[in-house]
Structure formats: C-alpha cells, structure tokens
Amino acid sequence: MIKYELKCRKDHVFEAWFYDSATYDKQAAGGKIVCPVCNSRKITKAPMAPRIGKSKGEVAAAEAKEVAVAMKALRELRDHVEKNADYVGDQFAEEARKIH
C-alpha cells in the first residue's frame, strides 16, 4: 500500500491510499480519482516528503523514554493526592453524606 497526497485543479489537498503506484496511474488516467471537496477529476500528486522509518533501537529508546515520562507524571499525581486528600477507607459513603 502507498499513500499519496493529491491536489485538484482548485488546489484542494487530500490524501488517498493505493495498492501501488501503477494503480494510482491507472485510476488517475481513467478519471476515477475525485476531489472530496469540489468533485474535480483533474488530480495531480502534491509534493510530499518520504516517510523514513526509525530503526528498532531508536523506536525502543523513544518508547522507553515515553514510558519513563508517563511513570514520573503518575508518581507526581499520586504524591499530590496523598498529600492533599484525606483517606477515609471504608467510611467513604458516610463521609460523602456528611459533605452533601
């Protein structure tokens, strides 16, 4: 599968997926690709940057960093709750009724 950014004659930019580049060429030549905004059938490929994948090591390192950041935020949240809230244990319902 390949994703192209496409542009119609009125400069509306949209993206579409194709099985391969030959499929895009065949559909474009047959006028089967339609702009979702203005229904124009005069479509060209818009300039786009290639997608360059990261190595598995880079992905794992990035994921580990994201997990570490999330865990730090959760620890900070837990510390905040423990410092600023009263633990009422099994008496939660009674305490809630007193407040209400």
PDB file of N, CA and C in Angstrom:
ATOM      1  N   MET A   1       0.848  -1.181   0.000  1.00  0.00           N
ATOM      2  CA  MET A   1       0.000   0.000   0.000  1.00  0.00           C
ATOM      3  C   MET A   1       0.890   1.241   0.000  1.00  0.00           C
ATOM      4  N   ILE A   2       0.409   2.254  -0.690  1.00  0.00           N
ATOM      5  CA  ILE A   2       1.132   3.514  -0.757  1.00  0.00           C
ATOM      6  C   ILE A   2       0.150   4.659  -0.589  1.00  0.00           C
ATOM      7  N   LYS A   3       0.577   5.680   0.152  1.00  0.00           N
ATOM      8  CA  LYS A   3      -0.281   6.836   0.392  1.00  0.00           C
ATOM      9  C   LYS A   3       0.276   8.019  -0.380  1.00  0.00           C
ATOM     10  N   TYR A   4      -0.590   8.681  -1.129  1.00  0.00           N
ATOM     11  CA  TYR A   4      -0.200   9.879  -1.855  1.00  0.00           C
ATOM     12  C   TYR A   4      -0.991  11.072  -1.347  1.00  0.00           C
ATOM     13  N   GLU A   5      -0.325  12.214  -1.308  1.00  0.00           N
ATOM     14  CA  GLU A   5      -1.045  13.467  -1.122  1.00  0.00           C
ATOM     15  C   GLU A   5      -1.392  13.941  -2.514  1.00  0.00           C
ATOM     16  N   LEU A   6      -2.659  14.240  -2.734  1.00  0.00           N
ATOM     17  CA  LEU A   6      -3.144  14.628  -4.048  1.00  0.00           C
ATOM     18  C   LEU A   6      -3.676  16.046  -4.011  1.00  0.00           C
ATOM     19  N   LYS A   7      -3.721  16.672  -5.181  1.00  0.00           N
ATOM     20  CA  LYS A   7      -4.199  18.041  -5.272  1.00  0.00           C
ATOM     21  C   LYS A   7      -5.069  18.155  -6.524  1.00  0.00           C
ATOM     22  N   CYS A   8      -6.217  18.814  -6.385  1.00  0.00           N
ATOM     23  CA  CYS A   8      -7.095  19.017  -7.537  1.00  0.00           C
ATOM     24  C   CYS A   8      -6.749  20.331  -8.216  1.00  0.00           C
ATOM     25  N   ARG A   9      -7.427  20.646  -9.310  1.00  0.00           N
ATOM     26  CA  ARG A   9      -7.130  21.870 -10.062  1.00  0.00           C
ATOM     27  C   ARG A   9      -7.476  23.129  -9.281  1.00  0.00           C
ATOM     28  N   LYS A  10      -8.289  23.002  -8.219  1.00  0.00           N
ATOM     29  CA  LYS A  10      -8.626  24.155  -7.376  1.00  0.00           C
ATOM     30  C   LYS A  10      -7.746  24.210  -6.123  1.00  0.00           C
ATOM     31  N   ASP A  11      -6.663  23.455  -6.147  1.00  0.00           N
ATOM     32  CA  ASP A  11      -5.668  23.421  -5.068  1.00  0.00           C
ATOM     33  C   ASP A  11      -6.177  22.846  -3.754  1.00  0.00           C
ATOM     34  N   HIS A  12      -7.210  22.019  -3.780  1.00  0.00           N
ATOM     35  CA  HIS A  12      -7.612  21.292  -2.570  1.00  0.00           C
ATOM     36  C   HIS A  12      -6.652  20.115  -2.417  1.00  0.00           C
ATOM     37  N   VAL A  13      -6.071  19.974  -1.247  1.00  0.00           N
ATOM     38  CA  VAL A  13      -5.116  18.889  -0.997  1.00  0.00           C
ATOM     39  C   VAL A  13      -5.793  17.831  -0.139  1.00  0.00           C
ATOM     40  N   PHE A  14      -5.632  16.578  -0.530  1.00  0.00           N
ATOM     41  CA  PHE A  14      -6.189  15.454   0.223  1.00  0.00           C
ATOM     42  C   PHE A  14      -5.273  14.261   0.033  1.00  0.00           C
ATOM     43  N   GLU A  15      -5.479  13.221   0.802  1.00  0.00           N
ATOM     44  CA  GLU A  15      -4.633  12.034   0.672  1.00  0.00           C
ATOM     45  C   GLU A  15      -5.479  10.827   0.309  1.00  0.00           C
ATOM     46  N   ALA A  16      -4.822   9.863  -0.325  1.00  0.00           N
ATOM     47  CA  ALA A  16      -5.508   8.635  -0.727  1.00  0.00           C
ATOM     48  C   ALA A  16      -4.500   7.488  -0.729  1.00  0.00           C
ATOM     49  N   TRP A  17      -5.007   6.295  -0.471  1.00  0.00           N
ATOM     50  CA  TRP A  17      -4.177   5.087  -0.440  1.00  0.00           C
ATOM     51  C   TRP A  17      -4.402   4.300  -1.719  1.00  0.00           C
ATOM     52  N   PHE A  18      -3.322   3.721  -2.240  1.00  0.00           N
ATOM     53  CA  PHE A  18      -3.383   2.897  -3.440  1.00  0.00           C
ATOM     54  C   PHE A  18      -2.562   1.638  -3.222  1.00  0.00           C
ATOM     55  N   TYR A  19      -2.908   0.604  -3.978  1.00  0.00           N
ATOM     56  CA  TYR A  19      -2.174  -0.657  -3.868  1.00  0.00           C
ATOM     57  C   TYR A  19      -0.714  -0.462  -4.234  1.00  0.00           C
ATOM     58  N   ASP A  20      -0.468   0.267  -5.311  1.00  0.00           N
ATOM     59  CA  ASP A  20       0.888   0.607  -5.739  1.00  0.00           C
ATOM     60  C   ASP A  20       0.815   1.815  -6.665  1.00  0.00           C
ATOM     61  N   SER A  21       1.963   2.277  -7.145  1.00  0.00           N
ATOM     62  CA  SER A  21       1.970   3.474  -7.988  1.00  0.00           C
ATOM     63  C   SER A  21       1.280   3.222  -9.327  1.00  0.00           C
ATOM     64  N   ALA A  22       1.348   1.997  -9.830  1.00  0.00           N
ATOM     65  CA  ALA A  22       0.672   1.677 -11.095  1.00  0.00           C
ATOM     66  C   ALA A  22      -0.843   1.794 -10.944  1.00  0.00           C
ATOM     67  N   THR A  23      -1.357   1.413  -9.795  1.00  0.00           N
ATOM     68  CA  THR A  23      -2.794   1.539  -9.534  1.00  0.00           C
ATOM     69  C   THR A  23      -3.202   3.004  -9.530  1.00  0.00           C
ATOM     70  N   TYR A  24      -2.378   3.852  -8.890  1.00  0.00           N
ATOM     71  CA  TYR A  24      -2.666   5.287  -8.916  1.00  0.00           C
ATOM     72  C   TYR A  24      -2.684   5.788 -10.354  1.00  0.00           C
ATOM     73  N   ASP A  25      -1.652   5.457 -11.126  1.00  0.00           N
ATOM     74  CA  ASP A  25      -1.569   5.932 -12.507  1.00  0.00           C
ATOM     75  C   ASP A  25      -2.790   5.505 -13.320  1.00  0.00           C
ATOM     76  N   LYS A  26      -3.217   4.271 -13.161  1.00  0.00           N
ATOM     77  CA  LYS A  26      -4.372   3.750 -13.903  1.00  0.00           C
ATOM     78  C   LYS A  26      -5.651   4.488 -13.507  1.00  0.00           C
ATOM     79  N   GLN A  27      -5.858   4.684 -12.209  1.00  0.00           N
ATOM     80  CA  GLN A  27      -7.073   5.362 -11.752  1.00  0.00           C
ATOM     81  C   GLN A  27      -7.068   6.838 -12.136  1.00  0.00           C
ATOM     82  N   ALA A  28      -5.902   7.482 -12.051  1.00  0.00           N
ATOM     83  CA  ALA A  28      -5.817   8.899 -12.420  1.00  0.00           C
ATOM     84  C   ALA A  28      -6.085   9.080 -13.913  1.00  0.00           C
ATOM     85  N   ALA A  29      -5.525   8.205 -14.737  1.00  0.00           N
ATOM     86  CA  ALA A  29      -5.733   8.293 -16.183  1.00  0.00           C
ATOM     87  C   ALA A  29      -7.193   8.040 -16.551  1.00  0.00           C
ATOM     88  N   GLY A  30      -7.855   7.188 -15.788  1.00  0.00           N
ATOM     89  CA  GLY A  30      -9.257   6.873 -16.055  1.00  0.00           C
ATOM     90  C   GLY A  30     -10.231   7.861 -15.427  1.00  0.00           C
ATOM     91  N   GLY A  31      -9.729   8.870 -14.739  1.00  0.00           N
ATOM     92  CA  GLY A  31     -10.599   9.856 -14.103  1.00  0.00           C
ATOM     93  C   GLY A  31     -11.395   9.301 -12.943  1.00  0.00           C
ATOM     94  N   LYS A  32     -10.861   8.288 -12.300  1.00  0.00           N
ATOM     95  CA  LYS A  32     -11.591   7.642 -11.205  1.00  0.00           C
ATOM     96  C   LYS A  32     -11.269   8.237  -9.837  1.00  0.00           C
ATOM     97  N   ILE A  33     -10.318   9.152  -9.775  1.00  0.00           N
ATOM     98  CA  ILE A  33      -9.988   9.801  -8.511  1.00  0.00           C
ATOM     99  C   ILE A  33     -10.703  11.148  -8.497  1.00  0.00           C
ATOM    100  N   VAL A  34     -11.434  11.410  -7.417  1.00  0.00           N
ATOM    101  CA  VAL A  34     -12.272  12.602  -7.332  1.00  0.00           C
ATOM    102  C   VAL A  34     -11.907  13.388  -6.075  1.00  0.00           C
ATOM    103  N   CYS A  35     -11.802  14.703  -6.218  1.00  0.00           N
ATOM    104  CA  CYS A  35     -11.556  15.565  -5.067  1.00  0.00           C
ATOM    105  C   CYS A  35     -12.773  15.506  -4.139  1.00  0.00           C
ATOM    106  N   PRO A  36     -12.572  15.247  -2.848  1.00  0.00           N
ATOM    107  CA  PRO A  36     -13.705  15.160  -1.927  1.00  0.00           C
ATOM    108  C   PRO A  36     -14.354  16.514  -1.630  1.00  0.00           C
ATOM    109  N   VAL A  37     -13.696  17.606  -1.979  1.00  0.00           N
ATOM    110  CA  VAL A  37     -14.227  18.931  -1.686  1.00  0.00           C
ATOM    111  C   VAL A  37     -15.064  19.463  -2.846  1.00  0.00           C
ATOM    112  N   CYS A  38     -14.499  19.411  -4.064  1.00  0.00           N
ATOM    113  CA  CYS A  38     -15.178  20.048  -5.206  1.00  0.00           C
ATOM    114  C   CYS A  38     -15.564  19.070  -6.315  1.00  0.00           C
ATOM    115  N   ASN A  39     -15.303  17.796  -6.137  1.00  0.00           N
ATOM    116  CA  ASN A  39     -15.622  16.752  -7.117  1.00  0.00           C
ATOM    117  C   ASN A  39     -14.859  16.877  -8.431  1.00  0.00           C
ATOM    118  N   SER A  40     -13.751  17.593  -8.426  1.00  0.00           N
ATOM    119  CA  SER A  40     -12.917  17.705  -9.617  1.00  0.00           C
ATOM    120  C   SER A  40     -12.243  16.372  -9.889  1.00  0.00           C
ATOM    121  N   ARG A  41     -12.103  16.025 -11.151  1.00  0.00           N
ATOM    122  CA  ARG A  41     -11.425  14.792 -11.526  1.00  0.00           C
ATOM    123  C   ARG A  41     -10.035  15.064 -12.101  1.00  0.00           C
ATOM    124  N   LYS A  42      -9.638  16.317 -12.162  1.00  0.00           N
ATOM    125  CA  LYS A  42      -8.290  16.674 -12.627  1.00  0.00           C
ATOM    126  C   LYS A  42      -7.386  16.706 -11.401  1.00  0.00           C
ATOM    127  N   ILE A  43      -6.708  15.589 -11.161  1.00  0.00           N
ATOM    128  CA  ILE A  43      -5.943  15.368  -9.945  1.00  0.00           C
ATOM    129  C   ILE A  43      -4.469  15.168 -10.286  1.00  0.00           C
ATOM    130  N   THR A  44      -3.602  15.754  -9.469  1.00  0.00           N
ATOM    131  CA  THR A  44      -2.155  15.527  -9.588  1.00  0.00           C
ATOM    132  C   THR A  44      -1.608  15.185  -8.214  1.00  0.00           C
ATOM    133  N   LYS A  45      -0.419  14.623  -8.203  1.00  0.00           N
ATOM    134  CA  LYS A  45       0.241  14.337  -6.930  1.00  0.00           C
ATOM    135  C   LYS A  45       0.782  15.643  -6.371  1.00  0.00           C
ATOM    136  N   ALA A  46       0.517  15.881  -5.099  1.00  0.00           N
ATOM    137  CA  ALA A  46       1.055  17.058  -4.422  1.00  0.00           C
ATOM    138  C   ALA A  46       2.466  16.731  -3.948  1.00  0.00           C
ATOM    139  N   PRO A  47       3.321  17.730  -3.818  1.00  0.00           N
ATOM    140  CA  PRO A  47       4.661  17.456  -3.270  1.00  0.00           C
ATOM    141  C   PRO A  47       4.552  16.887  -1.861  1.00  0.00           C
ATOM    142  N   MET A  48       5.347  15.880  -1.570  1.00  0.00           N
ATOM    143  CA  MET A  48       5.317  15.279  -0.246  1.00  0.00           C
ATOM    144  C   MET A  48       6.689  14.738   0.101  1.00  0.00           C
ATOM    145  N   ALA A  49       6.975  14.687   1.382  1.00  0.00           N
ATOM    146  CA  ALA A  49       8.251  14.162   1.855  1.00  0.00           C
ATOM    147  C   ALA A  49       8.130  12.665   2.061  1.00  0.00           C
ATOM    148  N   PRO A  50       9.177  11.922   1.781  1.00  0.00           N
ATOM    149  CA  PRO A  50       9.110  10.474   2.014  1.00  0.00           C
ATOM    150  C   PRO A  50       9.102  10.173   3.498  1.00  0.00           C
ATOM    151  N   ARG A  51       8.486   9.074   3.854  1.00  0.00           N
ATOM    152  CA  ARG A  51       8.468   8.649   5.254  1.00  0.00           C
ATOM    153  C   ARG A  51       9.691   7.783   5.489  1.00  0.00           C
ATOM    154  N   ILE A  52      10.517   8.207   6.398  1.00  0.00           N
ATOM    155  CA  ILE A  52      11.724   7.463   6.714  1.00  0.00           C
ATOM    156  C   ILE A  52      11.527   6.828   8.078  1.00  0.00           C
ATOM    157  N   GLY A  53      11.569   5.514   8.121  1.00  0.00           N
ATOM    158  CA  GLY A  53      11.330   4.793   9.355  1.00  0.00           C
ATOM    159  C   GLY A  53      12.524   4.840  10.289  1.00  0.00           C
ATOM    160  N   LYS A  54      12.255   4.695  11.554  1.00  0.00           N
ATOM    161  CA  LYS A  54      13.307   4.645  12.557  1.00  0.00           C
ATOM    162  C   LYS A  54      13.767   3.207  12.712  1.00  0.00           C
ATOM    163  N   SER A  55      14.993   3.024  13.152  1.00  0.00           N
ATOM    164  CA  SER A  55      15.467   1.679  13.424  1.00  0.00           C
ATOM    165  C   SER A  55      14.772   1.163  14.677  1.00  0.00           C
ATOM    166  N   LYS A  56      14.800  -0.139  14.860  1.00  0.00           N
ATOM    167  CA  LYS A  56      14.127  -0.734  16.022  1.00  0.00           C
ATOM    168  C   LYS A  56      14.716  -0.216  17.326  1.00  0.00           C
ATOM    169  N   GLY A  57      16.003   0.011  17.350  1.00  0.00           N
ATOM    170  CA  GLY A  57      16.643   0.533  18.559  1.00  0.00           C
ATOM    171  C   GLY A  57      16.157   1.928  18.897  1.00  0.00           C
ATOM    172  N   GLU A  58      15.999   2.770  17.868  1.00  0.00           N
ATOM    173  CA  GLU A  58      15.513   4.127  18.099  1.00  0.00           C
ATOM    174  C   GLU A  58      14.069   4.112  18.579  1.00  0.00           C
ATOM    175  N   VAL A  59      13.263   3.223  18.004  1.00  0.00           N
ATOM    176  CA  VAL A  59      11.859   3.123  18.410  1.00  0.00           C
ATOM    177  C   VAL A  59      11.772   2.666  19.859  1.00  0.00           C
ATOM    178  N   ALA A  60      12.552   1.648  20.223  1.00  0.00           N
ATOM    179  CA  ALA A  60      12.530   1.138  21.597  1.00  0.00           C
ATOM    180  C   ALA A  60      12.991   2.211  22.577  1.00  0.00           C
ATOM    181  N   ALA A  61      14.020   2.961  22.215  1.00  0.00           N
ATOM    182  CA  ALA A  61      14.506   4.019  23.103  1.00  0.00           C
ATOM    183  C   ALA A  61      13.464   5.110  23.264  1.00  0.00           C
ATOM    184  N   ALA A  62      12.788   5.480  22.170  1.00  0.00           N
ATOM    185  CA  ALA A  62      11.754   6.508  22.238  1.00  0.00           C
ATOM    186  C   ALA A  62      10.582   6.039  23.095  1.00  0.00           C
ATOM    187  N   GLU A  63      10.196   4.765  22.936  1.00  0.00           N
ATOM    188  CA  GLU A  63       9.098   4.226  23.740  1.00  0.00           C
ATOM    189  C   GLU A  63       9.480   4.169  25.210  1.00  0.00           C
ATOM    190  N   ALA A  64      10.707   3.784  25.505  1.00  0.00           N
ATOM    191  CA  ALA A  64      11.163   3.721  26.896  1.00  0.00           C
ATOM    192  C   ALA A  64      11.142   5.114  27.517  1.00  0.00           C
ATOM    193  N   LYS A  65      11.545   6.112  26.756  1.00  0.00           N
ATOM    194  CA  LYS A  65      11.528   7.482  27.262  1.00  0.00           C
ATOM    195  C   LYS A  65      10.097   7.935  27.545  1.00  0.00           C
ATOM    196  N   GLU A  66       9.166   7.612  26.631  1.00  0.00           N
ATOM    197  CA  GLU A  66       7.762   7.988  26.836  1.00  0.00           C
ATOM    198  C   GLU A  66       7.198   7.310  28.082  1.00  0.00           C
ATOM    199  N   VAL A  67       7.533   6.052  28.290  1.00  0.00           N
ATOM    200  CA  VAL A  67       7.055   5.329  29.466  1.00  0.00           C
ATOM    201  C   VAL A  67       7.627   5.957  30.731  1.00  0.00           C
ATOM    202  N   ALA A  68       8.903   6.321  30.704  1.00  0.00           N
ATOM    203  CA  ALA A  68       9.522   6.941  31.877  1.00  0.00           C
ATOM    204  C   ALA A  68       8.850   8.268  32.209  1.00  0.00           C
ATOM    205  N   VAL A  69       8.527   9.063  31.194  1.00  0.00           N
ATOM    206  CA  VAL A  69       7.857  10.349  31.411  1.00  0.00           C
ATOM    207  C   VAL A  69       6.465  10.116  32.000  1.00  0.00           C
ATOM    208  N   ALA A  70       5.744   9.141  31.466  1.00  0.00           N
ATOM    209  CA  ALA A  70       4.400   8.842  31.971  1.00  0.00           C
ATOM    210  C   ALA A  70       4.456   8.348  33.419  1.00  0.00           C
ATOM    211  N   MET A  71       5.418   7.490  33.730  1.00  0.00           N
ATOM    212  CA  MET A  71       5.541   6.972  35.092  1.00  0.00           C
ATOM    213  C   MET A  71       5.883   8.095  36.066  1.00  0.00           C
ATOM    214  N   LYS A  72       6.730   9.022  35.653  1.00  0.00           N
ATOM    215  CA  LYS A  72       7.069  10.159  36.508  1.00  0.00           C
ATOM    216  C   LYS A  72       5.826  11.005  36.789  1.00  0.00           C
ATOM    217  N   ALA A  73       5.032  11.250  35.750  1.00  0.00           N
ATOM    218  CA  ALA A  73       3.815  12.041  35.922  1.00  0.00           C
ATOM    219  C   ALA A  73       2.837  11.329  36.856  1.00  0.00           C
ATOM    220  N   LEU A  74       2.726  10.012  36.736  1.00  0.00           N
ATOM    221  CA  LEU A  74       1.832   9.257  37.621  1.00  0.00           C
ATOM    222  C   LEU A  74       2.316   9.298  39.072  1.00  0.00           C
ATOM    223  N   ARG A  75       3.642   9.207  39.288  1.00  0.00           N
ATOM    224  CA  ARG A  75       4.180   9.306  40.651  1.00  0.00           C
ATOM    225  C   ARG A  75       3.877  10.677  41.248  1.00  0.00           C
ATOM    226  N   GLU A  76       4.056  11.719  40.445  1.00  0.00           N
ATOM    227  CA  GLU A  76       3.765  13.073  40.929  1.00  0.00           C
ATOM    228  C   GLU A  76       2.287  13.232  41.272  1.00  0.00           C
ATOM    229  N   LEU A  77       1.408  12.667  40.444  1.00  0.00           N
ATOM    230  CA  LEU A  77      -0.026  12.722  40.712  1.00  0.00           C
ATOM    231  C   LEU A  77      -0.357  11.990  42.006  1.00  0.00           C
ATOM    232  N   ARG A  78       0.217  10.807  42.190  1.00  0.00           N
ATOM    233  CA  ARG A  78      -0.042  10.039  43.406  1.00  0.00           C
ATOM    234  C   ARG A  78       0.437  10.799  44.637  1.00  0.00           C
ATOM    235  N   ASP A  79       1.633  11.369  44.574  1.00  0.00           N
ATOM    236  CA  ASP A  79       2.152  12.147  45.704  1.00  0.00           C
ATOM    237  C   ASP A  79       1.235  13.315  46.030  1.00  0.00           C
ATOM    238  N   HIS A  80       0.755  14.010  44.994  1.00  0.00           N
ATOM    239  CA  HIS A  80      -0.149  15.147  45.193  1.00  0.00           C
ATOM    240  C   HIS A  80      -1.443  14.700  45.885  1.00  0.00           C
ATOM    241  N   VAL A  81      -2.019  13.608  45.418  1.00  0.00           N
ATOM    242  CA  VAL A  81      -3.270  13.119  46.013  1.00  0.00           C
ATOM    243  C   VAL A  81      -3.038  12.703  47.460  1.00  0.00           C
ATOM    244  N   GLU A  82      -1.952  11.989  47.724  1.00  0.00           N
ATOM    245  CA  GLU A  82      -1.684  11.541  49.093  1.00  0.00           C
ATOM    246  C   GLU A  82      -1.461  12.713  50.046  1.00  0.00           C
ATOM    247  N   LYS A  83      -0.855  13.797  49.579  1.00  0.00           N
ATOM    248  CA  LYS A  83      -0.580  14.947  50.428  1.00  0.00           C
ATOM    249  C   LYS A  83      -1.811  15.835  50.620  1.00  0.00           C
ATOM    250  N   ASN A  84      -2.711  15.854  49.667  1.00  0.00           N
ATOM    251  CA  ASN A  84      -3.814  16.816  49.686  1.00  0.00           C
ATOM    252  C   ASN A  84      -5.200  16.204  49.883  1.00  0.00           C
ATOM    253  N   ALA A  85      -5.284  14.930  50.140  1.00  0.00           N
ATOM    254  CA  ALA A  85      -6.591  14.295  50.316  1.00  0.00           C
ATOM    255  C   ALA A  85      -6.592  13.492  51.615  1.00  0.00           C
ATOM    256  N   ASP A  86      -7.775  13.336  52.186  1.00  0.00           N
ATOM    257  CA  ASP A  86      -7.927  12.534  53.394  1.00  0.00           C
ATOM    258  C   ASP A  86      -8.389  11.138  53.005  1.00  0.00           C
ATOM    259  N   TYR A  87      -7.713  10.127  53.534  1.00  0.00           N
ATOM    260  CA  TYR A  87      -8.106   8.757  53.272  1.00  0.00           C
ATOM    261  C   TYR A  87      -9.161   8.366  54.303  1.00  0.00           C
ATOM    262  N   VAL A  88     -10.359   8.032  53.815  1.00  0.00           N
ATOM    263  CA  VAL A  88     -11.440   7.689  54.729  1.00  0.00           C
ATOM    264  C   VAL A  88     -11.732   6.202  54.731  1.00  0.00           C
ATOM    265  N   GLY A  89     -11.070   5.447  53.884  1.00  0.00           N
ATOM    266  CA  GLY A  89     -11.204   3.992  53.883  1.00  0.00           C
ATOM    267  C   GLY A  89     -12.629   3.528  53.673  1.00  0.00           C
ATOM    268  N   ASP A  90     -13.090   2.637  54.579  1.00  0.00           N
ATOM    269  CA  ASP A  90     -14.423   2.053  54.466  1.00  0.00           C
ATOM    270  C   ASP A  90     -15.528   3.057  54.787  1.00  0.00           C
ATOM    271  N   GLN A  91     -15.193   4.188  55.345  1.00  0.00           N
ATOM    272  CA  GLN A  91     -16.187   5.181  55.734  1.00  0.00           C
ATOM    273  C   GLN A  91     -16.488   6.173  54.587  1.00  0.00           C
ATOM    274  N   PHE A  92     -16.144   5.844  53.361  1.00  0.00           N
ATOM    275  CA  PHE A  92     -16.323   6.777  52.246  1.00  0.00           C
ATOM    276  C   PHE A  92     -17.772   7.231  52.116  1.00  0.00           C
ATOM    277  N   ALA A  93     -18.712   6.295  52.156  1.00  0.00           N
ATOM    278  CA  ALA A  93     -20.128   6.648  51.976  1.00  0.00           C
ATOM    279  C   ALA A  93     -20.591   7.603  53.078  1.00  0.00           C
ATOM    280  N   GLU A  94     -20.217   7.336  54.321  1.00  0.00           N
ATOM    281  CA  GLU A  94     -20.622   8.201  55.420  1.00  0.00           C
ATOM    282  C   GLU A  94     -20.007   9.599  55.286  1.00  0.00           C
ATOM    283  N   GLU A  95     -18.738   9.657  54.904  1.00  0.00           N
ATOM    284  CA  GLU A  95     -18.066  10.945  54.727  1.00  0.00           C
ATOM    285  C   GLU A  95     -18.703  11.745  53.569  1.00  0.00           C
ATOM    286  N   ALA A  96     -19.065  11.056  52.524  1.00  0.00           N
ATOM    287  CA  ALA A  96     -19.705  11.727  51.384  1.00  0.00           C
ATOM    288  C   ALA A  96     -21.072  12.278  51.799  1.00  0.00           C
ATOM    289  N   ARG A  97     -21.823  11.532  52.622  1.00  0.00           N
ATOM    290  CA  ARG A  97     -23.131  12.010  53.085  1.00  0.00           C
ATOM    291  C   ARG A  97     -22.968  13.245  53.984  1.00  0.00           C
ATOM    292  N   LYS A  98     -21.915  13.268  54.805  1.00  0.00           N
ATOM    293  CA  LYS A  98     -21.676  14.416  55.681  1.00  0.00           C
ATOM    294  C   LYS A  98     -21.397  15.672  54.842  1.00  0.00           C
ATOM    295  N   ILE A  99     -20.625  15.515  53.768  1.00  0.00           N
ATOM    296  CA  ILE A  99     -20.287  16.647  52.909  1.00  0.00           C
ATOM    297  C   ILE A  99     -21.525  17.133  52.165  1.00  0.00           C
ATOM    298  N   HIS A 100     -22.336  16.192  51.726  1.00  0.00           N
ATOM    299  CA  HIS A 100     -23.509  16.550  50.916  1.00  0.00           C
ATOM    300  C   HIS A 100     -24.567  17.177  51.809  1.00  0.00           C
TER     301      HIS A 100
END
